[in-house]
């Protein structure tokens, strides 16, 4: 019943977030390089950014964000279990990140697109092994992790929307180090968003479906 009551607001939140997030990412991608540089790729917006691996754009910072988010969702799920609101949302986040990560990896092997650092041609698709630019698995995973929380709490706690800054940062950072094209990060964002939406609207998290009664009692309650 609770799921049915929130489906309408959640769907509206999803539509607003997807539109705003995609528009913002496209805008940043277009503004991030000199206007004189021609674009390419499927949407005509792909261009190689000048390399910047310093400061907040360092690869180590990108990995620290991703690792912290994965550890955070798993720790939350184990601590809270699947019976509380926050606990169930954490498990949905785990589901979403797994779905997004596996899906992105499959697409990488299917399209084998060359990264910006692998020749600078945004139209170089189906290049074979070691060319795994499309889509961005990291942006997909980060987007997937935050989406269940936005859908669950966004209508009550507007500040939760600030979580969208995380996939936005990751998208820009991946382009800054010439690891992805603009359409790579947009596809990753869309994939992660869709995975989070799917995971949030399941009655029971996929990972918990192997547990008795599809529930995991959190460590917080067993201590």
Protein backbone atom coordinates (compact mmCIF):
# COMPACT_ATOMS: atom_id res chain seq x y z
CA UNK A 1 0.00 0.00 0.00
CA UNK A 2 2.83 2.36 0.91
CA UNK A 3 4.44 1.62 -2.43
CA UNK A 4 1.25 2.43 -4.30
CA UNK A 5 0.82 5.69 -2.38
CA UNK A 6 4.27 6.96 -3.23
CA UNK A 7 4.41 5.75 -6.85
CA UNK A 8 2.85 8.95 -8.21
CA UNK A 9 5.20 11.41 -6.44
CA UNK A 10 8.16 9.15 -7.10
CA UNK A 11 7.40 9.05 -10.82
CA UNK A 12 7.12 12.83 -10.97
CA UNK A 13 10.40 13.14 -9.09
CA UNK A 14 11.99 10.72 -11.51
CA UNK A 15 10.88 12.66 -14.57
CA UNK A 16 12.00 16.01 -13.16
CA UNK A 17 15.35 14.63 -12.03
CA UNK A 18 16.08 12.87 -15.33
CA UNK A 19 15.27 15.97 -17.36
CA UNK A 20 17.19 18.36 -15.12
CA UNK A 21 20.16 16.04 -14.71
CA UNK A 22 20.54 15.28 -18.40
CA UNK A 23 20.18 18.94 -19.36
CA UNK A 24 22.78 19.93 -16.77
CA UNK A 25 25.27 17.31 -17.92
CA UNK A 26 24.87 18.31 -21.57
CA UNK A 27 25.32 21.96 -20.65
CA UNK A 28 28.49 21.27 -18.69
CA UNK A 29 29.84 19.07 -21.47
CA UNK A 30 29.29 21.78 -24.08
CA UNK A 31 30.70 24.60 -21.99
CA UNK A 32 33.73 22.67 -20.79
CA UNK A 33 35.80 23.16 -23.96
CA UNK A 34 36.52 25.97 -26.42
CA UNK A 35 33.55 26.67 -28.74
CA UNK A 36 35.84 26.50 -31.77
CA UNK A 37 36.45 22.77 -31.29
CA UNK A 38 34.14 20.67 -33.45
CA UNK A 39 32.12 17.95 -31.83
CA UNK A 40 31.47 14.40 -32.96
CA UNK A 41 29.92 11.16 -31.76
CA UNK A 42 26.27 10.12 -31.96
CA UNK A 43 24.93 13.46 -30.69
CA UNK A 44 27.58 15.68 -32.23
CA UNK A 45 28.73 16.93 -28.83
CA UNK A 46 31.74 14.72 -28.13
CA UNK A 47 35.07 16.49 -27.89
CA UNK A 48 38.29 15.79 -26.04
CA UNK A 49 38.92 18.02 -23.05
CA UNK A 50 42.35 19.28 -22.13
CA UNK A 51 43.86 16.83 -19.67
CA UNK A 52 43.58 17.81 -16.02
CA UNK A 53 44.43 15.20 -13.42
CA UNK A 54 45.19 17.57 -10.56
CA UNK A 55 43.28 18.74 -7.51
CA UNK A 56 39.78 17.34 -7.20
CA UNK A 57 40.06 15.76 -10.64
CA UNK A 58 42.81 13.34 -9.58
CA UNK A 59 42.09 9.70 -10.32
CA UNK A 60 42.67 8.81 -6.68
CA UNK A 61 39.89 11.24 -5.67
CA UNK A 62 37.50 9.69 -8.18
CA UNK A 63 38.21 6.20 -6.86
CA UNK A 64 37.91 7.35 -3.25
CA UNK A 65 34.42 8.68 -3.98
CA UNK A 66 33.30 5.48 -5.69
CA UNK A 67 34.79 3.20 -3.03
CA UNK A 68 33.28 5.27 -0.21
CA UNK A 69 29.83 5.12 -1.76
CA UNK A 70 29.98 1.36 -2.29
CA UNK A 71 31.24 0.74 1.23
CA UNK A 72 28.62 3.12 2.57
CA UNK A 73 25.65 1.44 0.90
CA UNK A 74 26.78 -2.03 1.96
CA UNK A 75 27.51 -0.95 5.53
CA UNK A 76 24.13 0.76 5.77
CA UNK A 77 22.32 -2.30 4.45
CA UNK A 78 24.07 -4.68 6.82
CA UNK A 79 23.58 -2.39 9.82
CA UNK A 80 19.95 -1.47 9.23
CA UNK A 81 18.72 -4.67 7.60
CA UNK A 82 15.80 -4.72 5.18
CA UNK A 83 12.93 -3.96 7.55
CA UNK A 84 13.48 -0.24 8.17
CA UNK A 85 12.87 2.46 5.60
CA UNK A 86 16.49 3.52 5.39
CA UNK A 87 17.67 -0.08 5.41
CA UNK A 88 15.43 -1.09 2.52
CA UNK A 89 16.56 1.96 0.57
CA UNK A 90 20.19 0.98 1.13
CA UNK A 91 19.51 -2.50 -0.22
CA UNK A 92 17.74 -0.98 -3.22
CA UNK A 93 20.84 1.13 -3.75
CA UNK A 94 22.97 -2.01 -3.67
CA UNK A 95 20.69 -3.64 -6.24
CA UNK A 96 20.84 -0.57 -8.46
CA UNK A 97 24.63 -0.32 -8.39
CA UNK A 98 24.99 -4.02 -9.24
CA UNK A 99 22.53 -3.75 -12.14
CA UNK A 100 24.19 -0.61 -13.47
CA UNK A 101 27.70 -1.98 -13.12
CA UNK A 102 26.94 -5.29 -14.85
CA UNK A 103 24.93 -3.60 -17.61
CA UNK A 104 27.62 -1.00 -18.27
CA UNK A 105 30.31 -3.67 -18.47
CA UNK A 106 28.27 -5.63 -20.99
CA UNK A 107 27.76 -2.53 -23.14
CA UNK A 108 31.48 -1.73 -22.99
CA UNK A 109 32.31 -5.14 -24.49
CA UNK A 110 29.56 -4.77 -27.08
CA UNK A 111 30.56 -1.32 -28.37
CA UNK A 112 34.34 -1.26 -27.66
CA UNK A 113 34.56 2.48 -28.17
CA UNK A 114 37.96 4.15 -28.01
CA UNK A 115 38.52 6.54 -25.12
CA UNK A 116 39.59 10.15 -25.78
CA UNK A 117 43.14 9.21 -24.74
CA UNK A 118 43.13 6.39 -27.33
CA UNK A 119 43.43 8.47 -30.46
CA UNK A 120 41.01 11.35 -29.86
CA UNK A 121 38.35 10.15 -32.32
CA UNK A 122 34.81 10.16 -30.86
CA UNK A 123 33.59 8.10 -33.81
CA UNK A 124 35.95 5.18 -33.19
CA UNK A 125 33.51 2.39 -32.25
CA UNK A 126 33.99 -1.39 -32.35
CA UNK A 127 37.75 -1.17 -31.92
CA UNK A 128 38.11 -4.44 -30.04
CA UNK A 129 39.70 -5.26 -26.72
CA UNK A 130 40.98 -2.51 -24.37
CA UNK A 131 38.59 0.07 -25.86
CA UNK A 132 35.88 0.39 -23.24
CA UNK A 133 34.78 4.00 -23.23
CA UNK A 134 31.01 3.61 -23.73
CA UNK A 135 29.26 3.92 -21.36
CA UNK A 136 30.93 5.21 -18.21
CA UNK A 137 30.51 2.44 -15.64
CA UNK A 138 31.58 4.70 -12.80
CA UNK A 139 29.03 7.40 -13.60
CA UNK A 140 26.41 4.67 -13.97
CA UNK A 141 27.28 3.21 -10.57
CA UNK A 142 27.38 6.55 -8.74
CA UNK A 143 24.07 7.59 -10.32
CA UNK A 144 22.49 4.25 -9.40
CA UNK A 145 23.59 4.49 -5.77
CA UNK A 146 22.01 7.90 -5.16
CA UNK A 147 18.78 7.39 -7.13
CA UNK A 148 16.86 5.21 -4.62
CA UNK A 149 17.52 7.78 -1.89
CA UNK A 150 16.29 10.62 -4.09
CA UNK A 151 13.13 8.74 -5.00
CA UNK A 152 12.50 7.70 -1.39
CA UNK A 153 13.21 10.98 0.38
CA UNK A 154 13.35 13.69 -2.29
CA UNK A 155 9.72 14.79 -1.95
CA UNK A 156 10.07 15.17 1.85
CA UNK A 157 13.69 16.30 2.15
CA UNK A 158 14.64 18.56 -0.79
CA UNK A 159 18.28 18.59 0.35
CA UNK A 160 18.53 14.96 -0.77
CA UNK A 161 18.64 16.31 -4.31
CA UNK A 162 22.15 17.54 -3.54
CA UNK A 163 23.25 13.92 -3.99
CA UNK A 164 23.04 14.54 -7.74
CA UNK A 165 26.23 16.57 -7.38
CA UNK A 166 28.11 13.27 -6.94
CA UNK A 167 27.44 11.75 -10.39
CA UNK A 168 27.84 15.22 -11.90
CA UNK A 169 31.29 15.57 -10.34
CA UNK A 170 32.26 12.07 -11.44
CA UNK A 171 31.10 12.73 -15.00
CA UNK A 172 33.21 15.88 -15.27
CA UNK A 173 36.19 14.20 -13.62
CA UNK A 174 36.11 11.27 -16.02
CA UNK A 175 36.11 13.66 -18.98
CA UNK A 176 38.87 15.77 -17.44
CA UNK A 177 41.26 12.81 -17.34
CA UNK A 178 40.30 11.92 -20.94
CA UNK A 179 38.75 8.61 -19.93
CA UNK A 180 35.32 9.29 -21.44
CA UNK A 181 33.44 11.29 -24.02
CA UNK A 182 30.41 13.42 -23.24
CA UNK A 183 27.98 10.79 -24.55
CA UNK A 184 29.73 8.15 -22.44
CA UNK A 185 28.93 9.96 -19.21
CA UNK A 186 25.42 10.86 -20.35
CA UNK A 187 24.74 7.21 -21.14
CA UNK A 188 26.19 6.21 -17.77
CA UNK A 189 23.97 8.74 -16.02
CA UNK A 190 20.88 7.46 -17.85
CA UNK A 191 21.75 3.83 -17.15
CA UNK A 192 22.35 4.47 -13.46
CA UNK A 193 19.15 6.47 -13.14
CA UNK A 194 17.11 3.74 -14.81
CA UNK A 195 18.70 1.07 -12.60
CA UNK A 196 17.92 3.07 -9.48
CA UNK A 197 14.34 3.63 -10.59
CA UNK A 198 13.86 -0.09 -11.25
CA UNK A 199 15.43 -1.13 -7.95
CA UNK A 200 13.39 1.36 -5.95
CA UNK A 201 10.08 0.21 -7.42
CA UNK A 202 10.59 -3.46 -6.62
CA UNK A 203 8.59 -4.72 -3.64
CA UNK A 204 11.62 -6.59 -2.37
CA UNK A 205 15.31 -5.87 -3.11
CA UNK A 206 16.86 -8.45 -5.42
CA UNK A 207 19.81 -9.18 -3.14
CA UNK A 208 17.46 -9.83 -0.22
CA UNK A 209 15.25 -12.17 -2.26
CA UNK A 210 17.55 -15.07 -1.32
CA UNK A 211 16.87 -14.48 2.38
CA UNK A 212 13.97 -16.10 4.27
CA UNK A 213 10.88 -13.93 3.77
CA UNK A 214 13.11 -11.64 1.65
CA UNK A 215 14.26 -9.82 4.80
CA UNK A 216 17.66 -9.42 6.40
CA UNK A 217 17.68 -8.44 10.07
CA UNK A 218 20.29 -5.76 10.50
CA UNK A 219 23.26 -5.98 12.82
CA UNK A 220 21.83 -3.04 14.75
CA UNK A 221 18.97 -5.22 15.99
CA UNK A 222 21.07 -8.26 16.78
CA UNK A 223 23.40 -6.41 19.15
